[in-house]
Amino acid sequence: MTTDRRALSLSRPPMRAGVGLKPEHYRPILDDHPDIGWFEVHAENYMGAGGPPHYFLERIRADYALSVHGVGLSIGSAAGLTSGHLDRLKTVVDRYQPFVVSEHLAWSTHGNAFYNDLLPLPYTRATLDLVARHVDVTQEALGRRLLLENPSTYLRFDGEEMGETDFLAELARRTGCGLLLDVNNVFVSAANHGFDARAYLDAFPLARVQEIHLAGHETQHGDANMPTLLIDTHDRPVADPVWDLYRHVLARLGACPTLIEWDSALPTWPVLAAEAARAENLLRASEGADHARAA
């Protein structure tokens, strides 16, 4: 591995499949230098000043492209962004120079309380104004474009004024932000709310998408008093219907950096790498189809 590879990773996004970087996999990555397109890290895991997390990430970052994915900015918080958290996020971004920085269309703070969850927002004009202000502040602080991820949801709000795809499209238009399309989240939300996942994807502002996520989910079977729910768990392989939706997206969007998210009940490195290889094969097939159409 050479410095030239890192320079390339800083100059353009890798049109390849990547995986989330976990400490359990540091050693096989450093020992074997696997042919993985890139890695993604949760920013909050690297907000300390030093220690083993930075030691290993700096070594891996020297050879691979990197994406930084935040889970704690609370972009939809009614009380405003936490400046200290945004400062720490900027420190991580400046230190590792990822090819993209992303966050969730959600909120997770209230006053001094920090919730271990990504909570949904009502899609109203007031919410749009609030989130747009926070995106503007974040992008100004980071000095770069932020990607926002569509959520997985388990309830809907009364009084919503627009659909999720319209909300995201207008947010991107107003702020210039990009979008992270989580295909598993689309499948989960579609099953929970009874809408058509393909129709949702056909309405999605794909021109703004700069990264795709794929993950596994759990089915919680209900009873007479509780409906069956799909839960976005990131603890198992990507389901076949999600792979089908991913093919549908690639046919419309073309190749796009794609992440396999697997955050708990972690598999061995070969199992995770095999999931990435499956996504990589579909990416390459989509590039081949694009070239054939161009010819």
C-alpha atoms as a PDB file:
ATOM      1  CA  MET A   1       0.000   0.000   0.000  1.00  0.00           C
ATOM      2  CA  THR A   2       1.301   3.468  -0.877  1.00  0.00           C
ATOM      3  CA  THR A   3       0.660   7.107  -0.163  1.00  0.00           C
ATOM      4  CA  ASP A   4      -0.704   7.413  -3.716  1.00  0.00           C
ATOM      5  CA  ARG A   5      -3.647   5.242  -2.724  1.00  0.00           C
ATOM      6  CA  ARG A   6      -4.517   7.594   0.128  1.00  0.00           C
ATOM      7  CA  ALA A   7      -4.241  10.614  -2.151  1.00  0.00           C
ATOM      8  CA  LEU A   8      -6.686   8.928  -4.518  1.00  0.00           C
ATOM      9  CA  SER A   9      -9.093   8.194  -1.669  1.00  0.00           C
ATOM     10  CA  LEU A  10      -9.126  11.870  -0.704  1.00  0.00           C
ATOM     11  CA  SER A  11      -9.770  13.076  -4.241  1.00  0.00           C
ATOM     12  CA  ARG A  12     -12.923  11.142  -5.170  1.00  0.00           C
ATOM     13  CA  PRO A  13     -15.400   8.712  -3.623  1.00  0.00           C
ATOM     14  CA  PRO A  14     -14.683   5.024  -4.233  1.00  0.00           C
ATOM     15  CA  MET A  15     -17.408   3.477  -6.396  1.00  0.00           C
ATOM     16  CA  ARG A  16     -17.068   0.300  -4.424  1.00  0.00           C
ATOM     17  CA  ALA A  17     -18.534  -1.564  -1.467  1.00  0.00           C
ATOM     18  CA  GLY A  18     -17.302  -0.883   2.052  1.00  0.00           C
ATOM     19  CA  VAL A  19     -17.994  -2.078   5.582  1.00  0.00           C
ATOM     20  CA  GLY A  20     -18.304  -0.527   9.000  1.00  0.00           C
ATOM     21  CA  LEU A  21     -14.986  -0.656  10.850  1.00  0.00           C
ATOM     22  CA  LYS A  22     -15.147  -2.495  14.185  1.00  0.00           C
ATOM     23  CA  PRO A  23     -12.345  -3.137  16.715  1.00  0.00           C
ATOM     24  CA  GLU A  24     -12.943  -6.894  16.425  1.00  0.00           C
ATOM     25  CA  HIS A  25     -11.738  -6.696  12.819  1.00  0.00           C
ATOM     26  CA  TYR A  26      -8.718  -4.410  13.230  1.00  0.00           C
ATOM     27  CA  ARG A  27      -6.249  -7.277  13.266  1.00  0.00           C
ATOM     28  CA  PRO A  28      -7.377  -9.204  10.146  1.00  0.00           C
ATOM     29  CA  ILE A  29      -7.520  -5.925   8.234  1.00  0.00           C
ATOM     30  CA  LEU A  30      -3.986  -4.921   9.224  1.00  0.00           C
ATOM     31  CA  ASP A  31      -2.573  -8.422   8.815  1.00  0.00           C
ATOM     32  CA  ASP A  32      -4.220  -9.363   5.509  1.00  0.00           C
ATOM     33  CA  HIS A  33      -4.895  -6.021   3.752  1.00  0.00           C
ATOM     34  CA  PRO A  34      -8.204  -7.250   2.284  1.00  0.00           C
ATOM     35  CA  ASP A  35      -9.519  -5.895  -0.999  1.00  0.00           C
ATOM     36  CA  ILE A  36     -12.277  -3.753   0.506  1.00  0.00           C
ATOM     37  CA  GLY A  37     -13.241  -0.482  -1.136  1.00  0.00           C
ATOM     38  CA  TRP A  38     -13.503   1.615   2.047  1.00  0.00           C
ATOM     39  CA  PHE A  39     -14.454   1.703   5.701  1.00  0.00           C
ATOM     40  CA  GLU A  40     -16.988   3.724   7.639  1.00  0.00           C
ATOM     41  CA  VAL A  41     -16.658   4.718  11.309  1.00  0.00           C
ATOM     42  CA  HIS A  42     -19.085   6.195  13.789  1.00  0.00           C
ATOM     43  CA  ALA A  43     -17.671   9.593  14.687  1.00  0.00           C
ATOM     44  CA  GLU A  44     -18.554   9.262  18.368  1.00  0.00           C
ATOM     45  CA  ASN A  45     -16.196   6.295  18.768  1.00  0.00           C
ATOM     46  CA  TYR A  46     -13.233   8.522  17.854  1.00  0.00           C
ATOM     47  CA  MET A  47     -13.979  11.729  19.766  1.00  0.00           C
ATOM     48  CA  GLY A  48     -11.377  11.023  22.436  1.00  0.00           C
ATOM     49  CA  ALA A  49      -7.957  12.618  22.097  1.00  0.00           C
ATOM     50  CA  GLY A  50      -5.967   9.414  21.660  1.00  0.00           C
ATOM     51  CA  GLY A  51      -5.665   5.787  22.686  1.00  0.00           C
ATOM     52  CA  PRO A  52      -6.093   2.509  20.782  1.00  0.00           C
ATOM     53  CA  PRO A  53      -9.048   3.642  18.609  1.00  0.00           C
ATOM     54  CA  HIS A  54      -6.968   6.374  16.991  1.00  0.00           C
ATOM     55  CA  TYR A  55      -3.859   4.201  16.782  1.00  0.00           C
ATOM     56  CA  PHE A  56      -5.679   1.567  14.723  1.00  0.00           C
ATOM     57  CA  LEU A  57      -7.770   3.980  12.677  1.00  0.00           C
ATOM     58  CA  GLU A  58      -4.710   5.983  11.631  1.00  0.00           C
ATOM     59  CA  ARG A  59      -3.013   2.802  10.409  1.00  0.00           C
ATOM     60  CA  ILE A  60      -6.083   1.658   8.485  1.00  0.00           C
ATOM     61  CA  ARG A  61      -6.778   5.147   7.135  1.00  0.00           C
ATOM     62  CA  ALA A  62      -3.317   5.185   5.583  1.00  0.00           C
ATOM     63  CA  ASP A  63      -4.404   2.443   3.170  1.00  0.00           C
ATOM     64  CA  TYR A  64      -8.153   2.821   2.741  1.00  0.00           C
ATOM     65  CA  ALA A  65     -10.747   5.477   1.975  1.00  0.00           C
ATOM     66  CA  LEU A  66     -12.909   6.463   4.924  1.00  0.00           C
ATOM     67  CA  SER A  67     -16.448   7.671   5.566  1.00  0.00           C
ATOM     68  CA  VAL A  68     -17.498   9.274   8.873  1.00  0.00           C
ATOM     69  CA  HIS A  69     -21.060   8.567  10.026  1.00  0.00           C
ATOM     70  CA  GLY A  70     -22.424  10.470  13.008  1.00  0.00           C
ATOM     71  CA  VAL A  71     -25.101   9.119  15.340  1.00  0.00           C
ATOM     72  CA  GLY A  72     -25.267  11.817  18.024  1.00  0.00           C
ATOM     73  CA  LEU A  73     -25.557  15.241  16.383  1.00  0.00           C
ATOM     74  CA  SER A  74     -29.373  15.273  16.854  1.00  0.00           C
ATOM     75  CA  ILE A  75     -29.934  17.318  13.714  1.00  0.00           C
ATOM     76  CA  GLY A  76     -33.669  17.525  14.417  1.00  0.00           C
ATOM     77  CA  SER A  77     -33.455  18.661  18.053  1.00  0.00           C
ATOM     78  CA  ALA A  78     -35.930  21.432  18.883  1.00  0.00           C
ATOM     79  CA  ALA A  79     -33.429  22.863  21.384  1.00  0.00           C
ATOM     80  CA  GLY A  80     -30.708  23.314  18.772  1.00  0.00           C
ATOM     81  CA  LEU A  81     -27.402  21.621  18.131  1.00  0.00           C
ATOM     82  CA  THR A  82     -24.970  20.905  20.943  1.00  0.00           C
ATOM     83  CA  SER A  83     -21.947  23.027  20.053  1.00  0.00           C
ATOM     84  CA  GLY A  84     -19.501  20.836  21.923  1.00  0.00           C
ATOM     85  CA  HIS A  85     -20.591  17.790  19.963  1.00  0.00           C
ATOM     86  CA  LEU A  86     -20.307  19.645  16.662  1.00  0.00           C
ATOM     87  CA  ASP A  87     -16.811  20.804  17.645  1.00  0.00           C
ATOM     88  CA  ARG A  88     -15.789  17.225  18.392  1.00  0.00           C
ATOM     89  CA  LEU A  89     -17.244  16.034  15.098  1.00  0.00           C
ATOM     90  CA  LYS A  90     -15.229  18.666  13.240  1.00  0.00           C
ATOM     91  CA  THR A  91     -12.060  17.515  15.007  1.00  0.00           C
ATOM     92  CA  VAL A  92     -12.623  13.928  13.816  1.00  0.00           C
ATOM     93  CA  VAL A  93     -13.419  15.067  10.275  1.00  0.00           C
ATOM     94  CA  ASP A  94     -10.387  17.360  10.068  1.00  0.00           C
ATOM     95  CA  ARG A  95      -8.127  14.640  11.420  1.00  0.00           C
ATOM     96  CA  TYR A  96      -9.191  11.832   9.061  1.00  0.00           C
ATOM     97  CA  GLN A  97     -10.443  13.682   5.966  1.00  0.00           C
ATOM     98  CA  PRO A  98     -13.225  11.270   4.973  1.00  0.00           C
ATOM     99  CA  PHE A  99     -14.658  11.329   1.486  1.00  0.00           C
ATOM    100  CA  VAL A 100     -18.129  11.911   2.981  1.00  0.00           C
ATOM    101  CA  VAL A 101     -19.627  12.879   6.344  1.00  0.00           C
ATOM    102  CA  SER A 102     -23.166  11.771   7.143  1.00  0.00           C
ATOM    103  CA  GLU A 103     -25.787  11.983   9.861  1.00  0.00           C
ATOM    104  CA  HIS A 104     -29.371  10.885  10.486  1.00  0.00           C
ATOM    105  CA  LEU A 105     -32.626  12.709   9.873  1.00  0.00           C
ATOM    106  CA  ALA A 106     -33.599  12.268  13.525  1.00  0.00           C
ATOM    107  CA  TRP A 107     -33.254  13.686  17.028  1.00  0.00           C
ATOM    108  CA  SER A 108     -31.749  12.135  20.153  1.00  0.00           C
ATOM    109  CA  THR A 109     -31.367  14.924  22.743  1.00  0.00           C
ATOM    110  CA  HIS A 110     -33.654  17.018  24.930  1.00  0.00           C
ATOM    111  CA  GLY A 111     -32.221  19.459  27.427  1.00  0.00           C
ATOM    112  CA  ASN A 112     -29.404  17.603  29.172  1.00  0.00           C
ATOM    113  CA  ALA A 113     -30.804  14.185  28.268  1.00  0.00           C
ATOM    114  CA  PHE A 114     -29.128  12.069  25.578  1.00  0.00           C
ATOM    115  CA  TYR A 115     -31.198   9.152  24.298  1.00  0.00           C
ATOM    116  CA  ASN A 116     -29.639   5.986  22.935  1.00  0.00           C
ATOM    117  CA  ASP A 117     -31.936   6.055  19.927  1.00  0.00           C
ATOM    118  CA  LEU A 118     -32.623   7.902  16.685  1.00  0.00           C
ATOM    119  CA  LEU A 119     -36.098   9.342  17.128  1.00  0.00           C
ATOM    120  CA  PRO A 120     -38.412  10.343  14.247  1.00  0.00           C
ATOM    121  CA  LEU A 121     -39.527  13.801  13.169  1.00  0.00           C
ATOM    122  CA  PRO A 122     -42.894  15.052  11.890  1.00  0.00           C
ATOM    123  CA  TYR A 123     -42.661  16.105   8.256  1.00  0.00           C
ATOM    124  CA  THR A 124     -43.986  19.655   8.514  1.00  0.00           C
ATOM    125  CA  ARG A 125     -42.813  23.008   7.205  1.00  0.00           C
ATOM    126  CA  ALA A 126     -41.745  23.992  10.729  1.00  0.00           C
ATOM    127  CA  THR A 127     -39.593  20.875  11.017  1.00  0.00           C
ATOM    128  CA  LEU A 128     -38.135  21.558   7.591  1.00  0.00           C
ATOM    129  CA  ASP A 129     -37.144  25.073   8.641  1.00  0.00           C
ATOM    130  CA  LEU A 130     -35.571  23.754  11.854  1.00  0.00           C
ATOM    131  CA  VAL A 131     -33.564  20.965  10.212  1.00  0.00           C
ATOM    132  CA  ALA A 132     -32.460  23.246   7.355  1.00  0.00           C
ATOM    133  CA  ARG A 133     -31.024  25.739   9.872  1.00  0.00           C
ATOM    134  CA  HIS A 134     -29.151  22.959  11.646  1.00  0.00           C
ATOM    135  CA  VAL A 135     -27.798  21.557   8.379  1.00  0.00           C
ATOM    136  CA  ASP A 136     -26.578  25.025   7.396  1.00  0.00           C
ATOM    137  CA  VAL A 137     -24.818  25.445  10.755  1.00  0.00           C
ATOM    138  CA  THR A 138     -23.229  21.993  10.483  1.00  0.00           C
ATOM    139  CA  GLN A 139     -22.010  22.449   6.933  1.00  0.00           C
ATOM    140  CA  GLU A 140     -20.587  25.867   7.767  1.00  0.00           C
ATOM    141  CA  ALA A 141     -18.745  24.443  10.781  1.00  0.00           C
ATOM    142  CA  LEU A 142     -17.375  21.439   8.912  1.00  0.00           C
ATOM    143  CA  GLY A 143     -16.571  23.367   5.738  1.00  0.00           C
ATOM    144  CA  ARG A 144     -18.083  20.608   3.626  1.00  0.00           C
ATOM    145  CA  ARG A 145     -21.333  19.046   2.501  1.00  0.00           C
ATOM    146  CA  LEU A 146     -23.251  16.848   4.936  1.00  0.00           C
ATOM    147  CA  LEU A 147     -25.229  13.786   3.860  1.00  0.00           C
ATOM    148  CA  LEU A 148     -28.498  13.027   5.663  1.00  0.00           C
ATOM    149  CA  GLU A 149     -29.875   9.497   5.951  1.00  0.00           C
ATOM    150  CA  ASN A 150     -33.530   8.537   5.568  1.00  0.00           C
ATOM    151  CA  PRO A 151     -34.713   6.900   8.805  1.00  0.00           C
ATOM    152  CA  SER A 152     -36.384   3.615   9.644  1.00  0.00           C
ATOM    153  CA  THR A 153     -39.681   4.467  11.352  1.00  0.00           C
ATOM    154  CA  TYR A 154     -42.232   2.677  13.491  1.00  0.00           C
ATOM    155  CA  LEU A 155     -44.946   5.333  13.854  1.00  0.00           C
ATOM    156  CA  ARG A 156     -46.401   8.267  11.985  1.00  0.00           C
ATOM    157  CA  PHE A 157     -47.384  11.707  13.248  1.00  0.00           C
ATOM    158  CA  ASP A 158     -50.779  13.309  12.901  1.00  0.00           C
ATOM    159  CA  GLY A 159     -50.745  16.569  10.969  1.00  0.00           C
ATOM    160  CA  GLU A 160     -47.817  15.840   8.664  1.00  0.00           C
ATOM    161  CA  GLU A 161     -47.722  18.193   5.692  1.00  0.00           C
ATOM    162  CA  MET A 162     -45.512  16.297   3.251  1.00  0.00           C
ATOM    163  CA  GLY A 163     -44.112  12.870   2.531  1.00  0.00           C
ATOM    164  CA  GLU A 164     -40.619  11.804   3.508  1.00  0.00           C
ATOM    165  CA  THR A 165     -39.207  11.911  -0.033  1.00  0.00           C
ATOM    166  CA  ASP A 166     -40.621  15.419  -0.579  1.00  0.00           C
ATOM    167  CA  PHE A 167     -39.181  16.527   2.762  1.00  0.00           C
ATOM    168  CA  LEU A 168     -35.721  15.218   1.858  1.00  0.00           C
ATOM    169  CA  ALA A 169     -35.829  16.677  -1.642  1.00  0.00           C
ATOM    170  CA  GLU A 170     -36.734  20.145  -0.345  1.00  0.00           C
ATOM    171  CA  LEU A 171     -34.153  19.951   2.428  1.00  0.00           C
ATOM    172  CA  ALA A 172     -31.441  19.105  -0.101  1.00  0.00           C
ATOM    173  CA  ARG A 173     -32.593  21.901  -2.418  1.00  0.00           C
ATOM    174  CA  ARG A 174     -32.555  24.519   0.345  1.00  0.00           C
ATOM    175  CA  THR A 175     -29.273  23.588   2.004  1.00  0.00           C
ATOM    176  CA  GLY A 176     -27.245  21.935  -0.746  1.00  0.00           C
ATOM    177  CA  CYS A 177     -26.789  18.864   1.445  1.00  0.00           C
ATOM    178  CA  GLY A 178     -26.469  15.393  -0.015  1.00  0.00           C
ATOM    179  CA  LEU A 179     -28.407  12.282   0.883  1.00  0.00           C
ATOM    180  CA  LEU A 180     -27.489   8.864   2.190  1.00  0.00           C
ATOM    181  CA  LEU A 181     -30.030   6.314   0.978  1.00  0.00           C
ATOM    182  CA  ASP A 182     -30.477   3.456   3.438  1.00  0.00           C
ATOM    183  CA  VAL A 183     -32.271   0.774   1.424  1.00  0.00           C
ATOM    184  CA  ASN A 184     -32.935  -1.412   4.450  1.00  0.00           C
ATOM    185  CA  ASN A 185     -34.604   1.532   6.194  1.00  0.00           C
ATOM    186  CA  VAL A 186     -36.901   1.923   3.192  1.00  0.00           C
ATOM    187  CA  PHE A 187     -37.857  -1.745   3.354  1.00  0.00           C
ATOM    188  CA  VAL A 188     -38.428  -1.634   7.121  1.00  0.00           C
ATOM    189  CA  SER A 189     -40.557   1.525   7.011  1.00  0.00           C
ATOM    190  CA  ALA A 190     -42.546   0.282   4.016  1.00  0.00           C
ATOM    191  CA  ALA A 191     -43.424  -2.952   5.822  1.00  0.00           C
ATOM    192  CA  ASN A 192     -44.299  -1.150   9.056  1.00  0.00           C
ATOM    193  CA  HIS A 193     -46.521   1.474   7.408  1.00  0.00           C
ATOM    194  CA  GLY A 194     -47.887  -0.479   4.469  1.00  0.00           C
ATOM    195  CA  PHE A 195     -46.511   1.527   1.549  1.00  0.00           C
ATOM    196  CA  ASP A 196     -44.764   0.325  -1.603  1.00  0.00           C
ATOM    197  CA  ALA A 197     -40.978   0.376  -1.213  1.00  0.00           C
ATOM    198  CA  ARG A 198     -40.313   0.606  -4.959  1.00  0.00           C
ATOM    199  CA  ALA A 199     -42.705   3.495  -5.373  1.00  0.00           C
ATOM    200  CA  TYR A 200     -40.884   5.258  -2.508  1.00  0.00           C
ATOM    201  CA  LEU A 201     -37.534   4.703  -4.225  1.00  0.00           C
ATOM    202  CA  ASP A 202     -38.927   5.927  -7.548  1.00  0.00           C
ATOM    203  CA  ALA A 203     -39.941   9.170  -5.787  1.00  0.00           C
ATOM    204  CA  PHE A 204     -36.633   9.535  -3.927  1.00  0.00           C
ATOM    205  CA  PRO A 205     -34.334  12.405  -5.048  1.00  0.00           C
ATOM    206  CA  LEU A 206     -31.661  10.021  -6.302  1.00  0.00           C
ATOM    207  CA  ALA A 207     -29.635  12.809  -7.918  1.00  0.00           C
ATOM    208  CA  ARG A 208     -28.673  13.883  -4.380  1.00  0.00           C
ATOM    209  CA  VAL A 209     -27.561  10.416  -3.220  1.00  0.00           C
ATOM    210  CA  GLN A 210     -23.829  10.050  -2.576  1.00  0.00           C
ATOM    211  CA  GLU A 211     -23.815   6.913  -0.430  1.00  0.00           C
ATOM    212  CA  ILE A 212     -26.000   3.823   0.067  1.00  0.00           C
ATOM    213  CA  HIS A 213     -26.425   1.684   3.180  1.00  0.00           C
ATOM    214  CA  LEU A 214     -27.479  -1.961   3.321  1.00  0.00           C
ATOM    215  CA  ALA A 215     -28.165  -3.806   6.567  1.00  0.00           C
ATOM    216  CA  GLY A 216     -30.098  -6.614   8.205  1.00  0.00           C
ATOM    217  CA  HIS A 217     -33.335  -6.353  10.148  1.00  0.00           C
ATOM    218  CA  GLU A 218     -35.382  -8.378  12.615  1.00  0.00           C
ATOM    219  CA  THR A 219     -39.040  -9.324  12.337  1.00  0.00           C
ATOM    220  CA  GLN A 220     -40.939  -9.011  15.615  1.00  0.00           C
ATOM    221  CA  HIS A 221     -44.103 -11.031  15.176  1.00  0.00           C
ATOM    222  CA  GLY A 222     -47.178  -9.463  16.689  1.00  0.00           C
ATOM    223  CA  ASP A 223     -50.477 -10.711  18.018  1.00  0.00           C
ATOM    224  CA  ALA A 224     -54.060  -9.483  18.207  1.00  0.00           C
ATOM    225  CA  ASN A 225     -52.976  -6.424  20.200  1.00  0.00           C
ATOM    226  CA  MET A 226     -49.675  -5.601  18.520  1.00  0.00           C
ATOM    227  CA  PRO A 227     -48.863  -5.585  14.793  1.00  0.00           C
ATOM    228  CA  THR A 228     -45.826  -7.320  13.373  1.00  0.00           C
ATOM    229  CA  LEU A 229     -42.918  -4.889  13.118  1.00  0.00           C
ATOM    230  CA  LEU A 230     -39.622  -4.932  11.300  1.00  0.00           C
ATOM    231  CA  ILE A 231     -36.757  -3.525  13.395  1.00  0.00           C
ATOM    232  CA  ASP A 232     -33.589  -2.081  11.865  1.00  0.00           C
ATOM    233  CA  THR A 233     -31.108  -4.106  13.943  1.00  0.00           C
ATOM    234  CA  HIS A 234     -27.872  -4.262  11.896  1.00  0.00           C
ATOM    235  CA  ASP A 235     -27.175  -7.682  13.417  1.00  0.00           C
ATOM    236  CA  ARG A 236     -27.515 -10.125  10.511  1.00  0.00           C
ATOM    237  CA  PRO A 237     -27.058 -10.470   6.747  1.00  0.00           C
ATOM    238  CA  VAL A 238     -28.925  -8.282   4.295  1.00  0.00           C
ATOM    239  CA  ALA A 239     -32.304  -9.843   3.459  1.00  0.00           C
ATOM    240  CA  ASP A 240     -33.057 -10.957  -0.097  1.00  0.00           C
ATOM    241  CA  PRO A 241     -35.877  -8.397  -0.625  1.00  0.00           C
ATOM    242  CA  VAL A 242     -33.450  -5.627   0.340  1.00  0.00           C
ATOM    243  CA  TRP A 243     -30.940  -6.912  -2.208  1.00  0.00           C
ATOM    244  CA  ASP A 244     -33.735  -6.758  -4.802  1.00  0.00           C
ATOM    245  CA  LEU A 245     -34.462  -3.129  -3.892  1.00  0.00           C
ATOM    246  CA  TYR A 246     -30.739  -2.374  -4.106  1.00  0.00           C
ATOM    247  CA  ARG A 247     -30.681  -3.722  -7.674  1.00  0.00           C
ATOM    248  CA  HIS A 248     -33.641  -1.482  -8.455  1.00  0.00           C
ATOM    249  CA  VAL A 249     -31.780   1.566  -7.104  1.00  0.00           C
ATOM    250  CA  LEU A 250     -28.609   0.781  -9.032  1.00  0.00           C
ATOM    251  CA  ALA A 251     -30.595   0.387 -12.253  1.00  0.00           C
ATOM    252  CA  ARG A 252     -31.861   3.960 -11.823  1.00  0.00           C
ATOM    253  CA  LEU A 253     -28.912   5.637 -10.081  1.00  0.00           C
ATOM    254  CA  GLY A 254     -25.870   3.784 -11.348  1.00  0.00           C
ATOM    255  CA  ALA A 255     -22.859   2.879  -9.212  1.00  0.00           C
ATOM    256  CA  CYS A 256     -22.656   4.552  -5.793  1.00  0.00           C
ATOM    257  CA  PRO A 257     -20.432   3.885  -2.740  1.00  0.00           C
ATOM    258  CA  THR A 258     -22.292   1.214  -0.765  1.00  0.00           C
ATOM    259  CA  LEU A 259     -21.827   0.216   2.860  1.00  0.00           C
ATOM    260  CA  ILE A 260     -22.677  -3.033   4.591  1.00  0.00           C
ATOM    261  CA  GLU A 261     -23.807  -2.033   8.106  1.00  0.00           C
ATOM    262  CA  TRP A 262     -23.346  -4.753  10.717  1.00  0.00           C
ATOM    263  CA  ASP A 263     -23.082  -3.219  14.193  1.00  0.00           C
ATOM    264  CA  SER A 264     -24.010  -5.956  16.685  1.00  0.00           C
ATOM    265  CA  ALA A 265     -23.808  -9.758  16.898  1.00  0.00           C
ATOM    266  CA  LEU A 266     -20.720  -9.215  14.769  1.00  0.00           C
ATOM    267  CA  PRO A 267     -19.700 -11.996  12.377  1.00  0.00           C
ATOM    268  CA  THR A 268     -16.188 -13.118  11.612  1.00  0.00           C
ATOM    269  CA  TRP A 269     -14.300 -11.018   9.099  1.00  0.00           C
ATOM    270  CA  PRO A 270     -14.809 -13.487   6.182  1.00  0.00           C
ATOM    271  CA  VAL A 271     -18.601 -13.375   6.637  1.00  0.00           C
ATOM    272  CA  LEU A 272     -18.653  -9.574   6.617  1.00  0.00           C
ATOM    273  CA  ALA A 273     -16.287  -9.434   3.642  1.00  0.00           C
ATOM    274  CA  ALA A 274     -18.563 -11.825   1.739  1.00  0.00           C
ATOM    275  CA  GLU A 275     -21.519  -9.459   2.207  1.00  0.00           C
ATOM    276  CA  ALA A 276     -19.400  -6.613   0.843  1.00  0.00           C
ATOM    277  CA  ALA A 277     -18.330  -8.786  -2.096  1.00  0.00           C
ATOM    278  CA  ARG A 278     -21.982  -9.425  -2.971  1.00  0.00           C
ATOM    279  CA  ALA A 279     -22.637  -5.676  -3.056  1.00  0.00           C
ATOM    280  CA  GLU A 280     -19.448  -5.139  -5.042  1.00  0.00           C
ATOM    281  CA  ASN A 281     -20.549  -7.633  -7.694  1.00  0.00           C
ATOM    282  CA  LEU A 282     -23.851  -5.795  -8.107  1.00  0.00           C
ATOM    283  CA  LEU A 283     -22.025  -2.471  -8.341  1.00  0.00           C
ATOM    284  CA  ARG A 284     -19.778  -3.799 -11.076  1.00  0.00           C
ATOM    285  CA  ALA A 285     -22.753  -5.219 -12.936  1.00  0.00           C
ATOM    286  CA  SER A 286     -24.460  -1.816 -12.804  1.00  0.00           C
ATOM    287  CA  GLU A 287     -21.332  -0.139 -14.178  1.00  0.00           C
ATOM    288  CA  GLY A 288     -21.245  -2.698 -17.000  1.00  0.00           C
ATOM    289  CA  ALA A 289     -24.874  -1.974 -17.834  1.00  0.00           C
ATOM    290  CA  ASP A 290     -24.134   1.770 -17.875  1.00  0.00           C
ATOM    291  CA  HIS A 291     -21.234   1.261 -20.283  1.00  0.00           C
ATOM    292  CA  ALA A 292     -23.370  -0.931 -22.530  1.00  0.00           C
ATOM    293  CA  ARG A 293     -26.121   1.704 -22.691  1.00  0.00           C
ATOM    294  CA  ALA A 294     -23.561   4.431 -23.430  1.00  0.00           C
ATOM    295  CA  ALA A 295     -22.113   2.399 -26.293  1.00  0.00           C
END
